Full PDB file with SEQRES, HELIX, SHEET, SSBOND, CRYST1, ORIGX, SCALE, CONECT and MASTER records, all heavy atoms in Angstrom:
SEQRES   1 A   39  ARG PRO LYS LEU ALA ASN ILE THR GLN LEU VAL PHE VAL          
SEQRES   2 A   39  ILE SER LYS LYS ASP PRO LYS PRO ASP LEU LEU MET LEU          
SEQRES   3 A   39  ASP LYS GLN LEU ALA PHE ALA GLU PHE LEU GLY ILE LYS          
HELIX    1 AA1 LEU A   23  LEU A   36  1                                  14    
CRYST1    1.000    1.000    1.000  90.00  90.00  90.00 P 1           1          
ORIGX1      1.000000  0.000000  0.000000        0.00000                         
ORIGX2      0.000000  1.000000  0.000000        0.00000                         
ORIGX3      0.000000  0.000000  1.000000        0.00000                         
SCALE1      1.000000  0.000000  0.000000        0.00000                         
SCALE2      0.000000  1.000000  0.000000        0.00000                         
SCALE3      0.000000  0.000000  1.000000        0.00000                         
ATOM      1  N   ARG A   1     -25.573 -16.149 -26.173  1.00  0.00           N  
ATOM      2  CA  ARG A   1     -25.832 -15.245 -27.325  1.00  0.00           C  
ATOM      3  C   ARG A   1     -26.610 -13.966 -26.727  1.00  0.00           C  
ATOM      4  O   ARG A   1     -27.751 -14.099 -26.551  1.00  0.00           O  
ATOM      5  CB  ARG A   1     -26.632 -15.933 -28.384  1.00  0.00           C  
ATOM      6  CG  ARG A   1     -26.028 -17.176 -29.069  1.00  0.00           C  
ATOM      7  CD  ARG A   1     -26.863 -17.881 -30.009  1.00  0.00           C  
ATOM      8  NE  ARG A   1     -27.237 -16.976 -31.182  1.00  0.00           N  
ATOM      9  CZ  ARG A   1     -28.238 -17.285 -32.035  1.00  0.00           C  
ATOM     10  NH1 ARG A   1     -28.797 -18.397 -31.949  1.00  0.00           N  
ATOM     11  NH2 ARG A   1     -28.546 -16.449 -32.998  1.00  0.00           N  
ATOM     12  N   PRO A   2     -25.939 -12.911 -26.700  1.00  0.00           N  
ATOM     13  CA  PRO A   2     -24.463 -12.644 -26.932  1.00  0.00           C  
ATOM     14  C   PRO A   2     -23.676 -13.218 -25.702  1.00  0.00           C  
ATOM     15  O   PRO A   2     -24.271 -13.367 -24.650  1.00  0.00           O  
ATOM     16  CB  PRO A   2     -24.465 -11.114 -26.935  1.00  0.00           C  
ATOM     17  CG  PRO A   2     -25.584 -10.613 -26.152  1.00  0.00           C  
ATOM     18  CD  PRO A   2     -26.681 -11.628 -26.343  1.00  0.00           C  
ATOM     19  N   LYS A   3     -22.361 -13.355 -25.902  1.00  0.00           N  
ATOM     20  CA  LYS A   3     -21.558 -13.957 -24.894  1.00  0.00           C  
ATOM     21  C   LYS A   3     -21.239 -12.906 -23.792  1.00  0.00           C  
ATOM     22  O   LYS A   3     -20.595 -11.894 -24.054  1.00  0.00           O  
ATOM     23  CB  LYS A   3     -20.246 -14.392 -25.549  1.00  0.00           C  
ATOM     24  CG  LYS A   3     -20.384 -15.659 -26.360  1.00  0.00           C  
ATOM     25  CD  LYS A   3     -19.008 -16.128 -26.981  1.00  0.00           C  
ATOM     26  CE  LYS A   3     -19.144 -17.529 -27.591  1.00  0.00           C  
ATOM     27  NZ  LYS A   3     -19.963 -17.515 -28.752  1.00  0.00           N  
ATOM     28  N   LEU A   4     -21.798 -13.225 -22.617  1.00  0.00           N  
ATOM     29  CA  LEU A   4     -21.660 -12.369 -21.400  1.00  0.00           C  
ATOM     30  C   LEU A   4     -21.563 -13.342 -20.173  1.00  0.00           C  
ATOM     31  O   LEU A   4     -22.203 -14.348 -20.110  1.00  0.00           O  
ATOM     32  CB  LEU A   4     -22.966 -11.530 -21.246  1.00  0.00           C  
ATOM     33  CG  LEU A   4     -22.909 -10.171 -22.074  1.00  0.00           C  
ATOM     34  CD1 LEU A   4     -24.325  -9.557 -21.893  1.00  0.00           C  
ATOM     35  CD2 LEU A   4     -21.876  -9.180 -21.464  1.00  0.00           C  
ATOM     36  N   ALA A   5     -20.770 -12.812 -19.234  1.00  0.00           N  
ATOM     37  CA  ALA A   5     -20.609 -13.547 -17.968  1.00  0.00           C  
ATOM     38  C   ALA A   5     -20.993 -12.614 -16.815  1.00  0.00           C  
ATOM     39  O   ALA A   5     -20.824 -11.484 -16.801  1.00  0.00           O  
ATOM     40  CB  ALA A   5     -19.200 -14.042 -17.866  1.00  0.00           C  
ATOM     41  N   ASN A   6     -21.530 -13.368 -15.753  1.00  0.00           N  
ATOM     42  CA  ASN A   6     -21.757 -12.683 -14.489  1.00  0.00           C  
ATOM     43  C   ASN A   6     -22.627 -11.527 -14.480  1.00  0.00           C  
ATOM     44  O   ASN A   6     -22.588 -10.693 -13.666  1.00  0.00           O  
ATOM     45  CB  ASN A   6     -20.340 -12.270 -13.850  1.00  0.00           C  
ATOM     46  CG  ASN A   6     -19.452 -13.478 -13.671  1.00  0.00           C  
ATOM     47  OD1 ASN A   6     -19.886 -14.469 -13.272  1.00  0.00           O  
ATOM     48  ND2 ASN A   6     -18.160 -13.236 -14.053  1.00  0.00           N  
ATOM     49  N   ILE A   7     -23.623 -11.571 -15.348  1.00  0.00           N  
ATOM     50  CA  ILE A   7     -24.697 -10.510 -15.366  1.00  0.00           C  
ATOM     51  C   ILE A   7     -25.660 -10.801 -14.112  1.00  0.00           C  
ATOM     52  O   ILE A   7     -25.965 -11.991 -13.835  1.00  0.00           O  
ATOM     53  CB  ILE A   7     -25.472 -10.607 -16.721  1.00  0.00           C  
ATOM     54  CG1 ILE A   7     -24.614 -10.231 -17.837  1.00  0.00           C  
ATOM     55  CG2 ILE A   7     -26.735  -9.688 -16.537  1.00  0.00           C  
ATOM     56  CD1 ILE A   7     -24.156  -8.796 -17.771  1.00  0.00           C  
ATOM     57  N   THR A   8     -25.989  -9.813 -13.425  1.00  0.00           N  
ATOM     58  CA  THR A   8     -26.854 -10.014 -12.265  1.00  0.00           C  
ATOM     59  C   THR A   8     -28.308  -9.501 -12.536  1.00  0.00           C  
ATOM     60  O   THR A   8     -29.178  -9.758 -11.683  1.00  0.00           O  
ATOM     61  CB  THR A   8     -26.256  -9.320 -11.022  1.00  0.00           C  
ATOM     62  OG1 THR A   8     -26.114  -7.939 -11.200  1.00  0.00           O  
ATOM     63  CG2 THR A   8     -24.896  -9.857 -10.657  1.00  0.00           C  
ATOM     64  N   GLN A   9     -28.395  -8.577 -13.613  1.00  0.00           N  
ATOM     65  CA  GLN A   9     -29.759  -8.047 -13.791  1.00  0.00           C  
ATOM     66  C   GLN A   9     -29.896  -7.847 -15.342  1.00  0.00           C  
ATOM     67  O   GLN A   9     -29.076  -7.211 -16.018  1.00  0.00           O  
ATOM     68  CB  GLN A   9     -30.087  -6.682 -13.085  1.00  0.00           C  
ATOM     69  CG  GLN A   9     -31.448  -6.071 -13.378  1.00  0.00           C  
ATOM     70  CD  GLN A   9     -31.758  -5.015 -12.348  1.00  0.00           C  
ATOM     71  OE1 GLN A   9     -32.671  -5.240 -11.532  1.00  0.00           O  
ATOM     72  NE2 GLN A   9     -31.108  -3.873 -12.482  1.00  0.00           N  
ATOM     73  N   LEU A  10     -31.061  -8.274 -15.868  1.00  0.00           N  
ATOM     74  CA  LEU A  10     -31.310  -8.019 -17.265  1.00  0.00           C  
ATOM     75  C   LEU A  10     -32.464  -6.968 -17.318  1.00  0.00           C  
ATOM     76  O   LEU A  10     -33.483  -7.018 -16.633  1.00  0.00           O  
ATOM     77  CB  LEU A  10     -31.857  -9.258 -17.906  1.00  0.00           C  
ATOM     78  CG  LEU A  10     -30.794 -10.348 -18.265  1.00  0.00           C  
ATOM     79  CD1 LEU A  10     -31.423 -11.676 -18.564  1.00  0.00           C  
ATOM     80  CD2 LEU A  10     -29.951  -9.813 -19.378  1.00  0.00           C  
ATOM     81  N   VAL A  11     -32.216  -5.867 -18.097  1.00  0.00           N  
ATOM     82  CA  VAL A  11     -33.261  -4.808 -18.287  1.00  0.00           C  
ATOM     83  C   VAL A  11     -33.894  -4.970 -19.646  1.00  0.00           C  
ATOM     84  O   VAL A  11     -33.198  -4.698 -20.666  1.00  0.00           O  
ATOM     85  CB  VAL A  11     -32.486  -3.419 -18.100  1.00  0.00           C  
ATOM     86  CG1 VAL A  11     -33.473  -2.359 -18.280  1.00  0.00           C  
ATOM     87  CG2 VAL A  11     -31.727  -3.365 -16.770  1.00  0.00           C  
ATOM     88  N   PHE A  12     -35.085  -5.397 -19.624  1.00  0.00           N  
ATOM     89  CA  PHE A  12     -35.754  -5.560 -20.877  1.00  0.00           C  
ATOM     90  C   PHE A  12     -36.612  -4.301 -21.265  1.00  0.00           C  
ATOM     91  O   PHE A  12     -37.531  -3.935 -20.606  1.00  0.00           O  
ATOM     92  CB  PHE A  12     -36.749  -6.697 -20.683  1.00  0.00           C  
ATOM     93  CG  PHE A  12     -36.138  -8.056 -20.522  1.00  0.00           C  
ATOM     94  CD1 PHE A  12     -36.194  -8.643 -19.144  1.00  0.00           C  
ATOM     95  CD2 PHE A  12     -35.287  -8.668 -21.374  1.00  0.00           C  
ATOM     96  CE1 PHE A  12     -35.545  -9.809 -18.849  1.00  0.00           C  
ATOM     97  CE2 PHE A  12     -34.610  -9.879 -21.039  1.00  0.00           C  
ATOM     98  CZ  PHE A  12     -34.773 -10.472 -19.827  1.00  0.00           C  
ATOM     99  N   VAL A  13     -36.261  -3.778 -22.434  1.00  0.00           N  
ATOM    100  CA  VAL A  13     -36.814  -2.475 -22.880  1.00  0.00           C  
ATOM    101  C   VAL A  13     -37.827  -2.781 -23.938  1.00  0.00           C  
ATOM    102  O   VAL A  13     -37.538  -3.394 -24.939  1.00  0.00           O  
ATOM    103  CB  VAL A  13     -35.763  -1.531 -23.353  1.00  0.00           C  
ATOM    104  CG1 VAL A  13     -36.369  -0.121 -23.699  1.00  0.00           C  
ATOM    105  CG2 VAL A  13     -34.660  -1.258 -22.282  1.00  0.00           C  
ATOM    106  N   ILE A  14     -39.081  -2.279 -23.777  1.00  0.00           N  
ATOM    107  CA  ILE A  14     -40.094  -2.397 -24.754  1.00  0.00           C  
ATOM    108  C   ILE A  14     -40.589  -1.060 -25.041  1.00  0.00           C  
ATOM    109  O   ILE A  14     -40.514  -0.144 -24.252  1.00  0.00           O  
ATOM    110  CB  ILE A  14     -41.168  -3.366 -24.383  1.00  0.00           C  
ATOM    111  CG1 ILE A  14     -41.928  -2.853 -23.182  1.00  0.00           C  
ATOM    112  CG2 ILE A  14     -40.689  -4.788 -24.157  1.00  0.00           C  
ATOM    113  CD1 ILE A  14     -43.225  -3.697 -22.805  1.00  0.00           C  
ATOM    114  N   SER A  15     -41.192  -0.788 -26.247  1.00  0.00           N  
ATOM    115  CA  SER A  15     -41.823   0.536 -26.574  1.00  0.00           C  
ATOM    116  C   SER A  15     -43.278   0.304 -26.910  1.00  0.00           C  
ATOM    117  O   SER A  15     -43.684  -0.861 -27.205  1.00  0.00           O  
ATOM    118  CB  SER A  15     -41.063   1.178 -27.759  1.00  0.00           C  
ATOM    119  OG  SER A  15     -41.160   0.350 -28.908  1.00  0.00           O  
ATOM    120  N   LYS A  16     -44.007   1.383 -26.884  1.00  0.00           N  
ATOM    121  CA  LYS A  16     -45.386   1.291 -27.164  1.00  0.00           C  
ATOM    122  C   LYS A  16     -45.777   0.901 -28.546  1.00  0.00           C  
ATOM    123  O   LYS A  16     -46.683   0.099 -28.864  1.00  0.00           O  
ATOM    124  CB  LYS A  16     -46.067   2.559 -26.716  1.00  0.00           C  
ATOM    125  CG  LYS A  16     -47.613   2.580 -26.705  1.00  0.00           C  
ATOM    126  CD  LYS A  16     -48.154   3.833 -26.270  1.00  0.00           C  
ATOM    127  CE  LYS A  16     -47.702   4.179 -24.877  1.00  0.00           C  
ATOM    128  NZ  LYS A  16     -48.399   5.443 -24.354  1.00  0.00           N  
ATOM    129  N   LYS A  17     -44.980   1.543 -29.476  1.00  0.00           N  
ATOM    130  CA  LYS A  17     -45.062   1.246 -30.970  1.00  0.00           C  
ATOM    131  C   LYS A  17     -43.917   1.704 -31.610  1.00  0.00           C  
ATOM    132  O   LYS A  17     -43.041   2.355 -31.007  1.00  0.00           O  
ATOM    133  CB  LYS A  17     -46.360   1.898 -31.484  1.00  0.00           C  
ATOM    134  CG  LYS A  17     -46.346   3.409 -31.458  1.00  0.00           C  
ATOM    135  CD  LYS A  17     -47.655   3.989 -32.053  1.00  0.00           C  
ATOM    136  CE  LYS A  17     -47.620   5.514 -32.095  1.00  0.00           C  
ATOM    137  NZ  LYS A  17     -48.800   5.989 -32.823  1.00  0.00           N  
ATOM    138  N   ASP A  18     -43.741   1.282 -32.884  1.00  0.00           N  
ATOM    139  CA  ASP A  18     -42.560   1.647 -33.597  1.00  0.00           C  
ATOM    140  C   ASP A  18     -41.296   1.310 -32.965  1.00  0.00           C  
ATOM    141  O   ASP A  18     -40.459   2.132 -32.799  1.00  0.00           O  
ATOM    142  CB  ASP A  18     -42.583   3.175 -34.010  1.00  0.00           C  
ATOM    143  CG  ASP A  18     -43.735   3.560 -34.893  1.00  0.00           C  
ATOM    144  OD1 ASP A  18     -44.402   2.640 -35.334  1.00  0.00           O  
ATOM    145  OD2 ASP A  18     -43.922   4.756 -35.035  1.00  0.00           O  
ATOM    146  N   PRO A  19     -40.984   0.017 -32.654  1.00  0.00           N  
ATOM    147  CA  PRO A  19     -41.726  -1.185 -32.960  1.00  0.00           C  
ATOM    148  C   PRO A  19     -42.739  -1.558 -31.784  1.00  0.00           C  
ATOM    149  O   PRO A  19     -42.539  -1.089 -30.643  1.00  0.00           O  
ATOM    150  CB  PRO A  19     -40.709  -2.282 -33.004  1.00  0.00           C  
ATOM    151  CG  PRO A  19     -39.591  -1.781 -32.103  1.00  0.00           C  
ATOM    152  CD  PRO A  19     -39.569  -0.293 -32.175  1.00  0.00           C  
ATOM    153  N   LYS A  20     -43.792  -2.184 -32.117  1.00  0.00           N  
ATOM    154  CA  LYS A  20     -44.735  -2.691 -31.085  1.00  0.00           C  
ATOM    155  C   LYS A  20     -44.090  -3.674 -30.119  1.00  0.00           C  
ATOM    156  O   LYS A  20     -43.164  -4.397 -30.564  1.00  0.00           O  
ATOM    157  CB  LYS A  20     -46.013  -3.180 -31.768  1.00  0.00           C  
ATOM    158  CG  LYS A  20     -46.771  -2.195 -32.591  1.00  0.00           C  
ATOM    159  CD  LYS A  20     -48.171  -2.773 -32.948  1.00  0.00           C  
ATOM    160  CE  LYS A  20     -49.029  -2.931 -31.730  1.00  0.00           C  
ATOM    161  NZ  LYS A  20     -50.474  -3.350 -32.100  1.00  0.00           N  
ATOM    162  N   PRO A  21     -44.563  -3.752 -29.018  1.00  0.00           N  
ATOM    163  CA  PRO A  21     -43.956  -4.665 -28.015  1.00  0.00           C  
ATOM    164  C   PRO A  21     -44.223  -6.167 -28.410  1.00  0.00           C  
ATOM    165  O   PRO A  21     -45.286  -6.547 -28.741  1.00  0.00           O  
ATOM    166  CB  PRO A  21     -44.642  -4.364 -26.731  1.00  0.00           C  
ATOM    167  CG  PRO A  21     -45.881  -3.633 -27.023  1.00  0.00           C  
ATOM    168  CD  PRO A  21     -45.657  -2.921 -28.323  1.00  0.00           C  
ATOM    169  N   ASP A  22     -43.034  -6.916 -28.409  1.00  0.00           N  
ATOM    170  CA  ASP A  22     -43.228  -8.343 -28.662  1.00  0.00           C  
ATOM    171  C   ASP A  22     -43.299  -9.086 -27.401  1.00  0.00           C  
ATOM    172  O   ASP A  22     -42.255  -9.495 -26.766  1.00  0.00           O  
ATOM    173  CB  ASP A  22     -42.016  -8.792 -29.506  1.00  0.00           C  
ATOM    174  CG  ASP A  22     -42.056 -10.266 -29.891  1.00  0.00           C  
ATOM    175  OD1 ASP A  22     -42.878 -10.935 -29.366  1.00  0.00           O  
ATOM    176  OD2 ASP A  22     -41.353 -10.623 -30.894  1.00  0.00           O  
ATOM    177  N   LEU A  23     -44.497  -9.297 -26.851  1.00  0.00           N  
ATOM    178  CA  LEU A  23     -44.650  -9.840 -25.435  1.00  0.00           C  
ATOM    179  C   LEU A  23     -44.240 -11.326 -25.418  1.00  0.00           C  
ATOM    180  O   LEU A  23     -43.771 -11.785 -24.359  1.00  0.00           O  
ATOM    181  CB  LEU A  23     -46.056  -9.636 -25.022  1.00  0.00           C  
ATOM    182  CG  LEU A  23     -46.502  -8.179 -24.834  1.00  0.00           C  
ATOM    183  CD1 LEU A  23     -47.930  -8.019 -24.269  1.00  0.00           C  
ATOM    184  CD2 LEU A  23     -45.470  -7.317 -24.064  1.00  0.00           C  
ATOM    185  N   LEU A  24     -44.474 -12.040 -26.508  1.00  0.00           N  
ATOM    186  CA  LEU A  24     -43.998 -13.419 -26.549  1.00  0.00           C  
ATOM    187  C   LEU A  24     -42.448 -13.577 -26.343  1.00  0.00           C  
ATOM    188  O   LEU A  24     -42.070 -14.461 -25.551  1.00  0.00           O  
ATOM    189  CB  LEU A  24     -44.508 -14.124 -27.841  1.00  0.00           C  
ATOM    190  CG  LEU A  24     -44.026 -15.611 -27.997  1.00  0.00           C  
ATOM    191  CD1 LEU A  24     -44.678 -16.394 -26.892  1.00  0.00           C  
ATOM    192  CD2 LEU A  24     -44.469 -16.092 -29.438  1.00  0.00           C  
ATOM    193  N   MET A  25     -41.809 -12.706 -27.030  1.00  0.00           N  
ATOM    194  CA  MET A  25     -40.315 -12.733 -26.864  1.00  0.00           C  
ATOM    195  C   MET A  25     -39.871 -12.358 -25.523  1.00  0.00           C  
ATOM    196  O   MET A  25     -38.974 -12.964 -24.839  1.00  0.00           O  
ATOM    197  CB  MET A  25     -39.691 -11.740 -27.958  1.00  0.00           C  
ATOM    198  CG  MET A  25     -38.190 -11.567 -27.822  1.00  0.00           C  
ATOM    199  SD  MET A  25     -37.324 -13.097 -28.421  1.00  0.00           S  
ATOM    200  CE  MET A  25     -37.491 -12.837 -30.206  1.00  0.00           C  
ATOM    201  N   LEU A  26     -40.632 -11.276 -24.956  1.00  0.00           N  
ATOM    202  CA  LEU A  26     -40.326 -10.862 -23.621  1.00  0.00           C  
ATOM    203  C   LEU A  26     -40.619 -11.991 -22.679  1.00  0.00           C  
ATOM    204  O   LEU A  26     -39.783 -12.235 -21.693  1.00  0.00           O  
ATOM    205  CB  LEU A  26     -41.245  -9.598 -23.254  1.00  0.00           C  
ATOM    206  CG  LEU A  26     -41.060  -9.087 -21.798  1.00  0.00           C  
ATOM    207  CD1 LEU A  26     -39.697  -8.750 -21.453  1.00  0.00           C  
ATOM    208  CD2 LEU A  26     -42.122  -7.916 -21.599  1.00  0.00           C  
ATOM    209  N   ASP A  27     -41.704 -12.728 -22.741  1.00  0.00           N  
ATOM    210  CA  ASP A  27     -41.992 -13.774 -21.795  1.00  0.00           C  
ATOM    211  C   ASP A  27     -41.017 -14.904 -21.937  1.00  0.00           C  
ATOM    212  O   ASP A  27     -40.588 -15.449 -20.833  1.00  0.00           O  
ATOM    213  CB  ASP A  27     -43.420 -14.457 -22.189  1.00  0.00           C  
ATOM    214  CG  ASP A  27     -44.585 -13.428 -21.849  1.00  0.00           C  
ATOM    215  OD1 ASP A  27     -44.356 -12.473 -21.142  1.00  0.00           O  
ATOM    216  OD2 ASP A  27     -45.703 -13.687 -22.244  1.00  0.00           O  
ATOM    217  N   LYS A  28     -40.508 -15.183 -22.964  1.00  0.00           N  
ATOM    218  CA  LYS A  28     -39.488 -16.189 -23.209  1.00  0.00           C  
ATOM    219  C   LYS A  28     -38.197 -15.845 -22.437  1.00  0.00           C  
ATOM    220  O   LYS A  28     -37.514 -16.605 -21.750  1.00  0.00           O  
ATOM    221  CB  LYS A  28     -39.095 -16.519 -24.615  1.00  0.00           C  
ATOM    222  CG  LYS A  28     -40.172 -17.240 -25.414  1.00  0.00           C  
ATOM    223  CD  LYS A  28     -39.779 -17.431 -26.878  1.00  0.00           C  
ATOM    224  CE  LYS A  28     -40.763 -18.229 -27.584  1.00  0.00           C  
ATOM    225  NZ  LYS A  28     -40.385 -18.396 -28.989  1.00  0.00           N  
ATOM    226  N   GLN A  29     -37.798 -14.508 -22.539  1.00  0.00           N  
ATOM    227  CA  GLN A  29     -36.609 -14.095 -22.022  1.00  0.00           C  
ATOM    228  C   GLN A  29     -36.750 -13.925 -20.427  1.00  0.00           C  
ATOM    229  O   GLN A  29     -35.854 -14.261 -19.639  1.00  0.00           O  
ATOM    230  CB  GLN A  29     -36.227 -12.677 -22.473  1.00  0.00           C  
ATOM    231  CG  GLN A  29     -35.818 -12.737 -23.950  1.00  0.00           C  
ATOM    232  CD  GLN A  29     -35.416 -11.428 -24.501  1.00  0.00           C  
ATOM    233  OE1 GLN A  29     -34.312 -11.041 -24.302  1.00  0.00           O  
ATOM    234  NE2 GLN A  29     -36.362 -10.693 -25.147  1.00  0.00           N  
ATOM    235  N   LEU A  30     -37.947 -13.568 -19.922  1.00  0.00           N  
ATOM    236  CA  LEU A  30     -38.258 -13.516 -18.503  1.00  0.00           C  
ATOM    237  C   LEU A  30     -38.045 -14.895 -17.954  1.00  0.00           C  
ATOM    238  O   LEU A  30     -37.577 -15.098 -16.751  1.00  0.00           O  
ATOM    239  CB  LEU A  30     -39.619 -12.865 -18.235  1.00  0.00           C  
ATOM    240  CG  LEU A  30     -39.684 -11.421 -18.560  1.00  0.00           C  
ATOM    241  CD1 LEU A  30     -41.258 -11.024 -18.462  1.00  0.00           C  
ATOM    242  CD2 LEU A  30     -38.918 -10.592 -17.534  1.00  0.00           C  
ATOM    243  N   ALA A  31     -38.682 -15.883 -18.640  1.00  0.00           N  
ATOM    244  CA  ALA A  31     -38.689 -17.233 -18.078  1.00  0.00           C  
ATOM    245  C   ALA A  31     -37.246 -17.812 -18.025  1.00  0.00           C  
ATOM    246  O   ALA A  31     -36.844 -18.365 -17.040  1.00  0.00           O  
ATOM    247  CB  ALA A  31     -39.446 -18.158 -18.965  1.00  0.00           C  
ATOM    248  N   PHE A  32     -36.447 -17.528 -18.995  1.00  0.00           N  
ATOM    249  CA  PHE A  32     -35.072 -18.014 -18.909  1.00  0.00           C  
ATOM    250  C   PHE A  32     -34.226 -17.216 -17.908  1.00  0.00           C  
ATOM    251  O   PHE A  32     -33.279 -17.829 -17.267  1.00  0.00           O  
ATOM    252  CB  PHE A  32     -34.347 -18.007 -20.312  1.00  0.00           C  
ATOM    253  CG  PHE A  32     -33.336 -18.981 -20.436  1.00  0.00           C  
ATOM    254  CD1 PHE A  32     -33.687 -20.317 -20.730  1.00  0.00           C  
ATOM    255  CD2 PHE A  32     -32.016 -18.761 -20.300  1.00  0.00           C  
ATOM    256  CE1 PHE A  32     -32.723 -21.383 -20.768  1.00  0.00           C  
ATOM    257  CE2 PHE A  32     -31.041 -19.678 -20.450  1.00  0.00           C  
ATOM    258  CZ  PHE A  32     -31.405 -20.985 -20.721  1.00  0.00           C  
ATOM    259  N   ALA A  33     -34.448 -15.943 -17.758  1.00  0.00           N  
ATOM    260  CA  ALA A  33     -33.799 -15.164 -16.727  1.00  0.00           C  
ATOM    261  C   ALA A  33     -34.031 -15.785 -15.318  1.00  0.00           C  
ATOM    262  O   ALA A  33     -33.183 -15.952 -14.509  1.00  0.00           O  
ATOM    263  CB  ALA A  33     -34.210 -13.748 -16.747  1.00  0.00           C  
ATOM    264  N   GLU A  34     -35.357 -16.294 -15.120  1.00  0.00           N  
ATOM    265  CA  GLU A  34     -35.708 -16.908 -13.851  1.00  0.00           C  
ATOM    266  C   GLU A  34     -34.959 -18.170 -13.707  1.00  0.00           C  
ATOM    267  O   GLU A  34     -34.387 -18.569 -12.623  1.00  0.00           O  
ATOM    268  CB  GLU A  34     -37.179 -17.133 -13.882  1.00  0.00           C  
ATOM    269  CG  GLU A  34     -38.108 -16.006 -13.835  1.00  0.00           C  
ATOM    270  CD  GLU A  34     -38.211 -15.338 -12.401  1.00  0.00           C  
ATOM    271  OE1 GLU A  34     -37.760 -16.060 -11.438  1.00  0.00           O  
ATOM    272  OE2 GLU A  34     -38.756 -14.227 -12.273  1.00  0.00           O  
ATOM    273  N   PHE A  35     -34.813 -18.991 -14.817  1.00  0.00           N  
ATOM    274  CA  PHE A  35     -34.101 -20.213 -14.768  1.00  0.00           C  
ATOM    275  C   PHE A  35     -32.637 -20.019 -14.375  1.00  0.00           C  
ATOM    276  O   PHE A  35     -32.005 -20.805 -13.679  1.00  0.00           O  
ATOM    277  CB  PHE A  35     -34.158 -20.885 -16.149  1.00  0.00           C  
ATOM    278  CG  PHE A  35     -33.365 -22.085 -16.306  1.00  0.00           C  
ATOM    279  CD1 PHE A  35     -33.741 -23.284 -15.619  1.00  0.00           C  
ATOM    280  CD2 PHE A  35     -32.122 -22.087 -17.074  1.00  0.00           C  
ATOM    281  CE1 PHE A  35     -32.965 -24.507 -15.840  1.00  0.00           C  
ATOM    282  CE2 PHE A  35     -31.400 -23.198 -17.183  1.00  0.00           C  
ATOM    283  CZ  PHE A  35     -31.853 -24.444 -16.548  1.00  0.00           C  
ATOM    284  N   LEU A  36     -32.029 -18.979 -14.838  1.00  0.00           N  
ATOM    285  CA  LEU A  36     -30.626 -18.682 -14.555  1.00  0.00           C  
ATOM    286  C   LEU A  36     -30.388 -17.902 -13.312  1.00  0.00           C  
ATOM    287  O   LEU A  36     -29.305 -17.782 -12.738  1.00  0.00           O  
ATOM    288  CB  LEU A  36     -29.961 -17.805 -15.735  1.00  0.00           C  
ATOM    289  CG  LEU A  36     -29.843 -18.472 -17.073  1.00  0.00           C  
ATOM    290  CD1 LEU A  36     -29.406 -17.445 -18.068  1.00  0.00           C  
ATOM    291  CD2 LEU A  36     -28.870 -19.666 -17.078  1.00  0.00           C  
ATOM    292  N   GLY A  37     -31.444 -17.450 -12.709  1.00  0.00           N  
ATOM    293  CA  GLY A  37     -31.381 -16.823 -11.418  1.00  0.00           C  
ATOM    294  C   GLY A  37     -30.893 -15.350 -11.481  1.00  0.00           C  
ATOM    295  O   GLY A  37     -30.315 -14.764 -10.662  1.00  0.00           O  
ATOM    296  N   ILE A  38     -31.216 -14.675 -12.694  1.00  0.00           N  
ATOM    297  CA  ILE A  38     -30.919 -13.340 -12.935  1.00  0.00           C  
ATOM    298  C   ILE A  38     -32.102 -12.467 -12.675  1.00  0.00           C  
ATOM    299  O   ILE A  38     -33.229 -12.732 -13.124  1.00  0.00           O  
ATOM    300  CB  ILE A  38     -30.516 -13.125 -14.420  1.00  0.00           C  
ATOM    301  CG1 ILE A  38     -29.249 -14.073 -14.688  1.00  0.00           C  
ATOM    302  CG2 ILE A  38     -30.039 -11.640 -14.709  1.00  0.00           C  
ATOM    303  CD1 ILE A  38     -28.860 -14.040 -16.163  1.00  0.00           C  
ATOM    304  N   LYS A  39     -31.949 -11.383 -11.946  1.00  0.00           N  
ATOM    305  CA  LYS A  39     -33.122 -10.465 -11.731  1.00  0.00           C  
ATOM    306  C   LYS A  39     -33.453  -9.771 -12.995  1.00  0.00           C  
ATOM    307  O   LYS A  39     -32.684  -9.444 -13.857  1.00  0.00           O  
ATOM    308  CB  LYS A  39     -32.628  -9.394 -10.664  1.00  0.00           C  
ATOM    309  CG  LYS A  39     -33.647  -8.391 -10.256  1.00  0.00           C  
ATOM    310  CD  LYS A  39     -33.082  -7.482  -9.256  1.00  0.00           C  
ATOM    311  CE  LYS A  39     -34.114  -6.306  -8.872  1.00  0.00           C  
ATOM    312  NZ  LYS A  39     -35.343  -6.863  -8.314  1.00  0.00           N  
TER     313      LYS A  39                                                      
MASTER        0    0    0    1    0    0    0    6  312    1    0    3          
END                                                                             
């Protein structure tokens, strides 16, 4: 979700405000990217 194959790098974009950064969401995604071996 979303359906994607063979991604080698995930670029996580956060903003300072409007909307404020959701660091808990970011941490979850970083952890799973590590699990999958994606930069």
